Amino acid sequence: MVGSRCNLNRMSDVTRILGEIKAGDPQAAEQLLPMVYNEPRRPAARDLSGESFGQTLQPTTRVHEAYLRLDHAFFNFLRGIVSLTIMDRNTTSRGA
């Protein structure tokens, strides 16, 4: 339960900082970057510690890969929304 409470606190911190960024606080982004970049490195480092000797991946590499996958997934999500919107407009313009 303590771990989930800690995660909720971090999530509310991220939400608060995002609000500060939106409000124009120039220092807010400096607070956010360590939270969204360094935080995922901990579990990545823990996972990699169990790997065999000589593996070349670093925690930072795993974090970069995860963000690239998220970016790709988000792009596909947006592309799907645009496609549905276009299909809806085409259907509406045809009077269907």
C-alpha atoms as a PDB file:
ATOM      1  CA  MET A   1       0.000   0.000   0.000  1.00  0.00           C
ATOM      2  CA  VAL A   2       2.868   2.360   0.756  1.00  0.00           C
ATOM      3  CA  GLY A   3       4.272   1.916  -2.766  1.00  0.00           C
ATOM      4  CA  SER A   4       0.966   2.793  -4.411  1.00  0.00           C
ATOM      5  CA  ARG A   5       0.576   5.839  -2.154  1.00  0.00           C
ATOM      6  CA  CYS A   6       4.064   6.950  -3.169  1.00  0.00           C
ATOM      7  CA  ASN A   7       3.143   6.520  -6.858  1.00  0.00           C
ATOM      8  CA  LEU A   8      -0.017   8.580  -6.350  1.00  0.00           C
ATOM      9  CA  ASN A   9       2.046  11.330  -4.727  1.00  0.00           C
ATOM     10  CA  ARG A  10       4.412  11.342  -7.707  1.00  0.00           C
ATOM     11  CA  MET A  11       1.491  11.406 -10.128  1.00  0.00           C
ATOM     12  CA  SER A  12      -0.040  14.375  -8.329  1.00  0.00           C
ATOM     13  CA  ASP A  13       3.373  16.075  -8.366  1.00  0.00           C
ATOM     14  CA  VAL A  14       3.592  15.539 -12.131  1.00  0.00           C
ATOM     15  CA  THR A  15       0.059  16.907 -12.571  1.00  0.00           C
ATOM     16  CA  ARG A  16       0.902  19.956 -10.454  1.00  0.00           C
ATOM     17  CA  ILE A  17       4.117  20.597 -12.396  1.00  0.00           C
ATOM     18  CA  LEU A  18       2.320  20.236 -15.732  1.00  0.00           C
ATOM     19  CA  GLY A  19      -0.136  22.880 -14.536  1.00  0.00           C
ATOM     20  CA  GLU A  20       2.761  25.152 -13.630  1.00  0.00           C
ATOM     21  CA  ILE A  21       4.294  24.629 -17.081  1.00  0.00           C
ATOM     22  CA  LYS A  22       0.954  25.488 -18.695  1.00  0.00           C
ATOM     23  CA  ALA A  23       0.774  28.613 -16.536  1.00  0.00           C
ATOM     24  CA  GLY A  24       4.169  29.676 -17.888  1.00  0.00           C
ATOM     25  CA  ASP A  25       6.512  28.816 -14.995  1.00  0.00           C
ATOM     26  CA  PRO A  26       9.938  28.452 -16.656  1.00  0.00           C
ATOM     27  CA  GLN A  27      11.432  26.417 -13.772  1.00  0.00           C
ATOM     28  CA  ALA A  28       8.643  23.839 -13.779  1.00  0.00           C
ATOM     29  CA  ALA A  29      10.100  21.886 -16.699  1.00  0.00           C
ATOM     30  CA  GLU A  30      13.354  21.562 -14.778  1.00  0.00           C
ATOM     31  CA  GLN A  31      11.408  19.875 -11.967  1.00  0.00           C
ATOM     32  CA  LEU A  32       9.546  17.564 -14.327  1.00  0.00           C
ATOM     33  CA  LEU A  33      12.467  16.197 -16.323  1.00  0.00           C
ATOM     34  CA  PRO A  34      14.109  14.255 -13.455  1.00  0.00           C
ATOM     35  CA  MET A  35      10.752  12.747 -12.518  1.00  0.00           C
ATOM     36  CA  VAL A  36       9.917  11.433 -15.987  1.00  0.00           C
ATOM     37  CA  TYR A  37      13.487  10.552 -16.970  1.00  0.00           C
ATOM     38  CA  ASN A  38      15.380   9.391 -13.886  1.00  0.00           C
ATOM     39  CA  GLU A  39      12.475   7.591 -12.216  1.00  0.00           C
ATOM     40  CA  PRO A  40      12.149   4.902 -14.944  1.00  0.00           C
ATOM     41  CA  ARG A  41      15.891   4.242 -14.739  1.00  0.00           C
ATOM     42  CA  ARG A  42      15.509   2.627 -11.291  1.00  0.00           C
ATOM     43  CA  PRO A  43      13.425  -0.367 -12.396  1.00  0.00           C
ATOM     44  CA  ALA A  44      15.482  -0.627 -15.601  1.00  0.00           C
ATOM     45  CA  ALA A  45      18.681  -0.819 -13.554  1.00  0.00           C
ATOM     46  CA  ARG A  46      17.081  -3.382 -11.240  1.00  0.00           C
ATOM     47  CA  ASP A  47      15.989  -5.514 -14.225  1.00  0.00           C
ATOM     48  CA  LEU A  48      19.400  -5.297 -15.852  1.00  0.00           C
ATOM     49  CA  SER A  49      21.203  -6.269 -12.655  1.00  0.00           C
ATOM     50  CA  GLY A  50      19.890  -9.805 -13.129  1.00  0.00           C
ATOM     51  CA  GLU A  51      21.217 -10.048 -16.690  1.00  0.00           C
ATOM     52  CA  SER A  52      24.227 -12.128 -17.592  1.00  0.00           C
ATOM     53  CA  PHE A  53      27.726 -10.708 -17.360  1.00  0.00           C
ATOM     54  CA  GLY A  54      28.787  -8.814 -20.450  1.00  0.00           C
ATOM     55  CA  GLN A  55      25.368  -7.556 -21.504  1.00  0.00           C
ATOM     56  CA  THR A  56      25.759  -4.131 -23.024  1.00  0.00           C
ATOM     57  CA  LEU A  57      22.407  -2.464 -22.352  1.00  0.00           C
ATOM     58  CA  GLN A  58      22.370   0.390 -19.879  1.00  0.00           C
ATOM     59  CA  PRO A  59      19.342   1.575 -17.891  1.00  0.00           C
ATOM     60  CA  THR A  60      19.308   4.826 -19.876  1.00  0.00           C
ATOM     61  CA  THR A  61      19.089   2.851 -23.124  1.00  0.00           C
ATOM     62  CA  ARG A  62      16.083   0.939 -21.809  1.00  0.00           C
ATOM     63  CA  VAL A  63      14.391   4.199 -20.805  1.00  0.00           C
ATOM     64  CA  HIS A  64      15.008   5.693 -24.259  1.00  0.00           C
ATOM     65  CA  GLU A  65      13.580   2.577 -25.884  1.00  0.00           C
ATOM     66  CA  ALA A  66      10.479   2.750 -23.682  1.00  0.00           C
ATOM     67  CA  TYR A  67       9.894   6.410 -24.566  1.00  0.00           C
ATOM     68  CA  LEU A  68      10.319   5.649 -28.272  1.00  0.00           C
ATOM     69  CA  ARG A  69       7.731   2.877 -27.989  1.00  0.00           C
ATOM     70  CA  LEU A  70       5.355   5.205 -26.167  1.00  0.00           C
ATOM     71  CA  ASP A  71       5.888   7.868 -28.825  1.00  0.00           C
ATOM     72  CA  HIS A  72       5.154   5.335 -31.572  1.00  0.00           C
ATOM     73  CA  ALA A  73       2.041   4.079 -29.767  1.00  0.00           C
ATOM     74  CA  PHE A  74       0.823   7.652 -29.251  1.00  0.00           C
ATOM     75  CA  PHE A  75       1.402   8.420 -32.931  1.00  0.00           C
ATOM     76  CA  ASN A  76      -0.645   5.356 -33.943  1.00  0.00           C
ATOM     77  CA  PHE A  77      -3.391   6.381 -31.512  1.00  0.00           C
ATOM     78  CA  LEU A  78      -3.571   9.880 -33.035  1.00  0.00           C
ATOM     79  CA  ARG A  79      -3.465   8.479 -36.558  1.00  0.00           C
ATOM     80  CA  GLY A  80      -6.454   6.283 -35.689  1.00  0.00           C
ATOM     81  CA  ILE A  81      -8.412   9.263 -34.387  1.00  0.00           C
ATOM     82  CA  VAL A  82      -7.653  11.263 -37.536  1.00  0.00           C
ATOM     83  CA  SER A  83      -8.672   8.314 -39.717  1.00  0.00           C
ATOM     84  CA  LEU A  84     -11.972   7.910 -37.869  1.00  0.00           C
ATOM     85  CA  THR A  85     -12.643  11.639 -38.125  1.00  0.00           C
ATOM     86  CA  ILE A  86     -12.015  11.609 -41.880  1.00  0.00           C
ATOM     87  CA  MET A  87     -14.214   8.536 -42.338  1.00  0.00           C
ATOM     88  CA  ASP A  88     -16.969  10.207 -40.314  1.00  0.00           C
ATOM     89  CA  ARG A  89     -16.748  13.381 -42.395  1.00  0.00           C
ATOM     90  CA  ASN A  90     -16.872  11.384 -45.614  1.00  0.00           C
ATOM     91  CA  THR A  91     -19.903   9.459 -44.401  1.00  0.00           C
ATOM     92  CA  THR A  92     -21.646  12.676 -43.338  1.00  0.00           C
ATOM     93  CA  SER A  93     -20.900  14.431 -46.633  1.00  0.00           C
ATOM     94  CA  ARG A  94     -22.415  11.511 -48.566  1.00  0.00           C
ATOM     95  CA  GLY A  95     -25.603  11.771 -46.544  1.00  0.00           C
ATOM     96  CA  ALA A  96     -25.339   8.296 -45.076  1.00  0.00           C
END
